[in-house]
Amino acid sequence: MNCRHFNTIPLEEVLVSLGHHPTKQNEKEAWYLNPFSTETQASFKLNKRNNVWYLHSEGIGGNNIDFMMKYLKASVKEVLEWAEKQNFSSFQSQKDYHSKSSSLNYHITEIKELQNENLKIYLQQRGLSPTVYSLVKEVHFAIGEKKLYAIGFENLSGGWELRNSLYKGSLLKKDISILNFNIESQNQNETGKRIAVFEGFLDALSFVEMKPFFKGDVLVMNSISLLNRTKEYLQNYSEIHLFLDNDKAGEICKNEILKSFPEAKNHSEIYALHKDLNEYFVFRNNTKIEKQQQVELNPKQEQEESEINQAHQTYRRKR
């Protein structure tokens, strides 16, 4: 992807992928709360026809590249590297129905337990087993006239992070997500002791698979724009473990959190050769399968694998 290609992608779709939705809009323009900081009155204006933006509160504006450079605090090269990983091809394939609607209408039509086989296959492709099915939902939604479905992960404000093999986005209000594990086995003084922090929910689900006996909370940021919200929540914990992405945005988040919480532990070196924990998890699983095809596990290893597979996690999602 080059600058010209990235700038042709509707900024409206880039904003949706980051969890930002307009407070008001018409066929020519849309207004958003400042994506770069907190505000109560929308000052970010998107010109839909020219695909450019202007932030009235700061007197600056530009195209997609300019927006992401400021959003990620990154160079042009780093922005393009980020864009390559976002699967924006899904937005291009949806261009036909976006053009039919002057005012995009995003809404959820149904939420239910995970049943769709295509979504289950997608989770399997990401290295995840039925162990994590209870932590997600199957969400059916519409964007304009297009009906879609995806794996849904709920946040504290009732919004949803959505993923399938072709779509990556969110609906309703953007917020962090929190999971409690084995809360029944902790006393009141221990509930706020330990927390593991992730950027995306697929990384968090990978962690759940890798650490079936983890006791504590799991925080999913869902967007780097929620860094301040994340830091506010982390004040309740004395033991913080970071599993953030190995890219520019992840580096920014890690450094900012470590600046506020010097005792926090960074674990990104575990998957230093990979973009994120899920990518490492998939690689590790594939490597394990290859080894198992060549050499049988010894009895002790078989017993350990059996114990892990039989482990049942109890959890409660905080509201």
Protein backbone atom coordinates (compact mmCIF):
# COMPACT_ATOMS: atom_id res chain seq x y z
CA MET A 1 0.00 0.00 0.00
CA ASN A 2 1.28 3.47 -0.89
CA CYS A 3 0.16 6.95 0.15
CA ARG A 4 -2.11 7.43 -2.86
CA HIS A 5 -3.89 4.11 -2.20
CA PHE A 6 -4.35 4.76 1.49
CA ASN A 7 -5.70 8.26 0.86
CA THR A 8 -8.40 6.83 -1.44
CA ILE A 9 -9.85 4.73 1.39
CA PRO A 10 -12.83 6.59 2.91
CA LEU A 11 -11.62 8.23 6.11
CA GLU A 12 -15.08 7.50 7.49
CA GLU A 13 -14.19 3.80 7.36
CA VAL A 14 -10.77 4.36 8.92
CA LEU A 15 -12.46 6.18 11.78
CA VAL A 16 -14.97 3.34 12.21
CA SER A 17 -12.13 0.80 12.38
CA LEU A 18 -10.64 2.85 15.23
CA GLY A 19 -13.97 3.01 17.03
CA HIS A 20 -14.97 6.60 16.22
CA HIS A 21 -18.51 7.33 15.03
CA PRO A 22 -20.04 10.67 13.99
CA THR A 23 -22.19 12.68 16.39
CA LYS A 24 -24.02 14.15 13.39
CA GLN A 25 -23.72 13.93 9.63
CA ASN A 26 -25.32 14.56 6.24
CA GLU A 27 -24.42 13.64 2.68
CA LYS A 28 -21.60 16.20 2.55
CA GLU A 29 -19.94 16.07 5.97
CA ALA A 30 -19.71 14.35 9.34
CA TRP A 31 -18.75 15.68 12.77
CA TYR A 32 -16.83 13.69 15.40
CA LEU A 33 -15.51 14.24 18.89
CA ASN A 34 -11.79 14.96 18.75
CA PRO A 35 -10.12 11.56 18.04
CA PHE A 36 -6.83 12.80 19.48
CA SER A 37 -8.06 13.90 22.92
CA THR A 38 -11.12 14.17 25.13
CA GLU A 39 -13.83 16.73 24.42
CA THR A 40 -17.59 17.13 24.90
CA GLN A 41 -18.41 19.16 21.75
CA ALA A 42 -17.58 17.72 18.32
CA SER A 43 -14.88 19.78 16.61
CA PHE A 44 -13.54 17.24 14.11
CA LYS A 45 -15.12 17.76 10.67
CA LEU A 46 -14.91 15.22 7.83
CA ASN A 47 -15.58 16.41 4.28
CA LYS A 48 -16.97 13.22 2.73
CA ARG A 49 -16.77 14.34 -0.90
CA ASN A 50 -13.11 15.36 -0.75
CA ASN A 51 -12.16 12.80 1.92
CA VAL A 52 -10.30 15.38 4.03
CA TRP A 53 -10.62 16.42 7.68
CA TYR A 54 -10.28 19.57 9.74
CA LEU A 55 -9.97 19.82 13.52
CA HIS A 56 -11.42 23.18 14.51
CA SER A 57 -10.23 23.00 18.12
CA GLU A 58 -6.58 22.90 16.95
CA GLY A 59 -6.84 24.54 13.52
CA ILE A 60 -5.25 21.63 11.65
CA GLY A 61 -6.39 19.17 8.97
CA GLY A 62 -5.38 17.02 6.02
CA ASN A 63 -5.84 13.62 4.40
CA ASN A 64 -5.72 10.04 5.70
CA ILE A 65 -1.94 10.01 5.97
CA ASP A 66 -1.94 13.27 7.94
CA PHE A 67 -4.62 11.91 10.27
CA MET A 68 -2.84 8.63 11.05
CA MET A 69 0.55 10.33 11.47
CA LYS A 70 -0.98 12.45 14.23
CA TYR A 71 -3.10 9.60 15.62
CA LEU A 72 -0.17 7.16 15.90
CA LYS A 73 2.51 9.82 16.35
CA ALA A 74 4.32 8.02 13.56
CA SER A 75 6.15 8.58 10.28
CA VAL A 76 4.63 8.06 6.83
CA LYS A 77 6.43 4.72 6.54
CA GLU A 78 5.10 3.56 9.90
CA VAL A 79 1.56 4.65 8.97
CA LEU A 80 1.68 2.62 5.75
CA GLU A 81 3.02 -0.39 7.65
CA TRP A 82 0.11 -0.04 10.08
CA ALA A 83 -2.39 0.30 7.22
CA GLU A 84 -1.13 -2.89 5.58
CA LYS A 85 -2.11 -4.84 8.70
CA GLN A 86 -5.64 -3.42 8.99
CA ASN A 87 -7.29 -5.41 6.20
CA PHE A 88 -8.68 -2.28 4.56
CA SER A 89 -9.41 -4.39 1.47
CA SER A 90 -12.71 -5.20 3.20
CA PHE A 91 -13.64 -1.52 3.00
CA GLN A 92 -12.82 -1.47 -0.71
CA SER A 93 -15.04 -4.47 -1.35
CA GLN A 94 -17.88 -2.70 0.44
CA LYS A 95 -17.49 0.50 -1.59
CA ASP A 96 -20.45 -0.35 -3.81
CA TYR A 97 -23.02 -0.17 -1.03
CA HIS A 98 -21.33 2.70 0.81
CA SER A 99 -21.90 4.87 -2.25
CA LYS A 100 -25.61 4.04 -2.23
CA SER A 101 -26.13 5.56 1.19
CA SER A 102 -25.53 9.23 1.85
CA SER A 103 -25.72 8.58 5.59
CA LEU A 104 -24.28 5.26 6.73
CA ASN A 105 -26.51 3.47 9.19
CA TYR A 106 -24.71 1.16 11.60
CA HIS A 107 -26.91 -0.97 13.83
CA ILE A 108 -27.05 -4.40 15.49
CA THR A 109 -29.88 -6.74 14.51
CA GLU A 110 -29.16 -9.77 16.74
CA ILE A 111 -26.79 -10.95 19.48
CA LYS A 112 -26.60 -14.62 20.42
CA GLU A 113 -24.25 -17.38 21.56
CA LEU A 114 -21.60 -18.36 19.03
CA GLN A 115 -23.14 -20.83 16.57
CA ASN A 116 -22.01 -19.90 13.08
CA GLU A 117 -19.51 -22.43 11.71
CA ASN A 118 -17.69 -19.83 9.62
CA LEU A 119 -16.98 -17.78 12.74
CA LYS A 120 -15.82 -20.88 14.60
CA ILE A 121 -13.47 -21.69 11.71
CA TYR A 122 -12.13 -18.12 11.87
CA LEU A 123 -11.34 -18.54 15.58
CA GLN A 124 -9.65 -21.86 14.83
CA GLN A 125 -7.53 -20.13 12.19
CA ARG A 126 -6.47 -17.70 14.91
CA GLY A 127 -5.40 -20.66 17.05
CA LEU A 128 -8.38 -20.50 19.40
CA SER A 129 -10.40 -23.46 20.68
CA PRO A 130 -13.99 -23.84 22.01
CA THR A 131 -12.52 -22.93 25.42
CA VAL A 132 -13.04 -19.25 24.58
CA TYR A 133 -16.45 -19.48 22.90
CA SER A 134 -18.23 -18.41 26.09
CA LEU A 135 -16.22 -15.16 26.16
CA VAL A 136 -17.57 -13.92 22.83
CA LYS A 137 -20.92 -13.60 21.07
CA GLU A 138 -22.22 -13.93 17.55
CA VAL A 139 -23.32 -10.47 16.46
CA HIS A 140 -25.46 -9.80 13.39
CA PHE A 141 -25.41 -6.19 12.21
CA ALA A 142 -26.06 -3.95 9.24
CA ILE A 143 -23.97 -1.21 7.63
CA GLY A 144 -26.25 0.70 5.35
CA GLU A 145 -28.09 -1.94 3.34
CA LYS A 146 -25.44 -4.61 3.83
CA LYS A 147 -26.14 -7.34 6.39
CA LEU A 148 -23.11 -8.86 8.10
CA TYR A 149 -22.21 -11.07 11.04
CA ALA A 150 -19.08 -11.32 13.14
CA ILE A 151 -17.57 -12.45 16.40
CA GLY A 152 -18.46 -9.86 19.03
CA PHE A 153 -16.53 -8.90 22.14
CA GLU A 154 -18.38 -6.56 24.51
CA ASN A 155 -16.91 -3.55 26.27
CA LEU A 156 -17.84 -1.83 29.53
CA SER A 157 -20.20 0.61 27.77
CA GLY A 158 -22.16 -2.07 25.92
CA GLY A 159 -20.34 -1.48 22.64
CA TRP A 160 -18.91 -4.29 20.53
CA GLU A 161 -15.60 -5.12 18.90
CA LEU A 162 -16.34 -7.11 15.73
CA ARG A 163 -14.17 -9.53 13.77
CA ASN A 164 -14.55 -12.02 10.97
CA SER A 165 -12.25 -13.12 8.17
CA LEU A 166 -13.01 -9.97 6.12
CA TYR A 167 -14.18 -7.35 8.60
CA LYS A 168 -12.58 -5.54 11.51
CA GLY A 169 -14.52 -2.80 13.27
CA SER A 170 -16.71 -1.82 16.17
CA LEU A 171 -20.27 -0.71 16.87
CA LEU A 172 -21.87 1.59 19.45
CA LYS A 173 -19.78 3.32 22.08
CA LYS A 174 -16.06 2.60 22.23
CA ASP A 175 -14.63 1.54 25.59
CA ILE A 176 -12.23 -0.90 27.24
CA SER A 177 -13.30 -4.45 28.10
CA ILE A 178 -12.65 -6.24 31.40
CA LEU A 179 -12.77 -9.94 32.23
CA ASN A 180 -12.55 -11.45 35.72
CA PHE A 181 -11.09 -14.93 36.11
CA ASN A 182 -11.55 -17.19 39.13
CA ILE A 183 -13.04 -14.33 41.10
CA GLU A 184 -14.76 -16.79 43.44
CA SER A 185 -11.41 -18.09 44.64
CA GLN A 186 -10.06 -14.65 45.59
CA ASN A 187 -10.88 -12.71 48.70
CA GLN A 188 -11.93 -9.11 48.55
CA ASN A 189 -8.41 -7.77 49.13
CA GLU A 190 -7.01 -9.72 46.18
CA THR A 191 -9.55 -8.91 43.48
CA GLY A 192 -7.74 -5.76 42.35
CA LYS A 193 -4.21 -7.10 42.69
CA ARG A 194 -3.32 -8.57 39.29
CA ILE A 195 -4.24 -7.50 35.74
CA ALA A 196 -3.02 -8.38 32.25
CA VAL A 197 -3.35 -5.72 29.51
CA PHE A 198 -3.88 -6.28 25.78
CA GLU A 199 -4.66 -4.07 22.77
CA GLY A 200 -7.06 -6.48 21.06
CA PHE A 201 -9.41 -9.20 22.25
CA LEU A 202 -7.85 -11.94 20.07
CA ASP A 203 -4.61 -11.45 21.99
CA ALA A 204 -6.54 -11.64 25.27
CA LEU A 205 -8.26 -14.86 24.19
CA SER A 206 -4.87 -16.30 23.22
CA PHE A 207 -3.64 -15.50 26.72
CA VAL A 208 -6.64 -17.30 28.21
CA GLU A 209 -5.73 -20.39 26.19
CA MET A 210 -2.06 -20.16 27.15
CA LYS A 211 -2.64 -19.48 30.86
CA PRO A 212 -5.68 -21.56 31.91
CA PHE A 213 -4.90 -21.11 35.61
CA PHE A 214 -4.50 -17.33 35.56
CA LYS A 215 -6.19 -15.60 38.48
CA GLY A 216 -6.92 -11.92 38.10
CA ASP A 217 -8.38 -9.48 35.62
CA VAL A 218 -7.82 -9.08 31.89
CA LEU A 219 -8.11 -5.62 30.30
CA VAL A 220 -8.54 -5.17 26.56
CA MET A 221 -7.93 -1.61 25.35
CA ASN A 222 -9.83 -2.13 22.05
CA SER A 223 -8.20 1.04 20.69
CA ILE A 224 -5.00 2.96 21.38
CA SER A 225 -7.22 6.04 21.64
CA LEU A 226 -8.36 4.61 25.00
CA LEU A 227 -4.90 4.81 26.56
CA ASN A 228 -5.95 7.42 29.12
CA ARG A 229 -9.05 5.40 30.02
CA THR A 230 -6.80 2.36 30.44
CA LYS A 231 -4.38 4.21 32.70
CA GLU A 232 -7.24 5.42 34.88
CA TYR A 233 -8.47 1.85 35.35
CA LEU A 234 -4.97 0.50 36.09
CA GLN A 235 -4.74 2.69 39.18
CA ASN A 236 -6.78 0.01 40.97
CA TYR A 237 -4.05 -2.62 40.57
CA SER A 238 -0.70 -3.26 42.22
CA GLU A 239 0.47 -5.92 39.74
CA ILE A 240 0.27 -4.99 36.04
CA HIS A 241 1.37 -7.23 33.16
CA LEU A 242 1.63 -5.77 29.63
CA PHE A 243 1.15 -7.83 26.46
CA LEU A 244 0.97 -5.04 23.88
CA ASP A 245 1.70 -5.20 20.14
CA ASN A 246 5.22 -5.03 18.75
CA ASP A 247 4.57 -2.03 16.51
CA LYS A 248 4.67 1.76 16.77
CA ALA A 249 1.28 2.06 18.46
CA GLY A 250 2.09 -0.71 20.93
CA GLU A 251 5.43 0.91 21.75
CA ILE A 252 3.69 4.22 22.48
CA CYS A 253 1.14 2.56 24.77
CA LYS A 254 3.78 0.52 26.56
CA ASN A 255 6.01 3.52 27.23
CA GLU A 256 3.11 5.67 28.42
CA ILE A 257 1.87 3.00 30.82
CA LEU A 258 5.37 2.30 32.15
CA LYS A 259 5.85 6.03 32.69
CA SER A 260 2.74 6.11 34.91
CA PHE A 261 3.28 2.66 36.45
CA PRO A 262 7.05 1.97 36.66
CA GLU A 263 6.45 -1.36 38.42
CA ALA A 264 4.39 -2.74 35.51
CA LYS A 265 5.98 -5.71 33.76
CA ASN A 266 6.37 -5.77 29.98
CA HIS A 267 6.16 -9.24 28.41
CA SER A 268 6.39 -8.36 24.70
CA GLU A 269 9.83 -9.97 24.52
CA ILE A 270 8.09 -13.35 24.69
CA TYR A 271 6.75 -12.76 21.18
CA ALA A 272 9.45 -10.33 20.00
CA LEU A 273 9.62 -11.91 16.52
CA HIS A 274 5.87 -11.51 16.01
CA LYS A 275 3.45 -8.60 15.68
CA ASP A 276 1.35 -9.58 18.68
CA LEU A 277 0.57 -12.38 21.10
CA ASN A 278 -2.03 -14.01 18.84
CA GLU A 279 0.38 -14.20 15.92
CA TYR A 280 2.92 -15.85 18.23
CA PHE A 281 0.24 -18.18 19.61
CA VAL A 282 -0.72 -19.36 16.10
CA PHE A 283 2.96 -19.87 15.22
CA ARG A 284 3.58 -21.82 18.42
CA ASN A 285 0.57 -24.05 17.84
CA ASN A 286 1.57 -24.77 14.25
CA THR A 287 5.11 -25.60 15.36
CA LYS A 288 3.77 -27.91 18.06
CA ILE A 289 1.59 -29.75 15.53
CA GLU A 290 4.58 -30.27 13.26
CA LYS A 291 6.63 -31.68 16.12
CA GLN A 292 3.81 -33.97 17.21
CA GLN A 293 3.65 -35.38 13.71
CA GLN A 294 7.32 -36.32 13.99
CA VAL A 295 7.67 -37.42 17.61
CA GLU A 296 5.08 -38.78 20.04
CA LEU A 297 4.75 -37.06 23.40
CA ASN A 298 6.26 -38.94 26.32
CA PRO A 299 3.84 -40.06 29.09
CA LYS A 300 4.68 -37.13 31.38
CA GLN A 301 4.01 -34.60 28.60
CA GLU A 302 0.77 -36.35 27.71
CA GLN A 303 -0.37 -36.09 31.34
CA GLU A 304 0.46 -32.35 31.45
CA GLU A 305 -1.42 -31.70 28.19
CA SER A 306 -4.40 -33.64 29.54
CA GLU A 307 -4.48 -31.62 32.76
CA ILE A 308 -4.43 -28.34 30.82
CA ASN A 309 -7.19 -29.46 28.47
CA GLN A 310 -9.37 -30.45 31.42
CA ALA A 311 -8.90 -27.15 33.23
CA HIS A 312 -12.16 -25.19 33.51
CA GLN A 313 -11.98 -21.45 33.91
CA THR A 314 -14.65 -19.50 35.74
CA TYR A 315 -15.06 -15.89 34.82
CA ARG A 316 -17.33 -12.93 35.12
CA ARG A 317 -17.46 -9.97 32.78
CA LYS A 318 -17.55 -6.65 34.62
CA ARG A 319 -20.21 -4.15 33.63
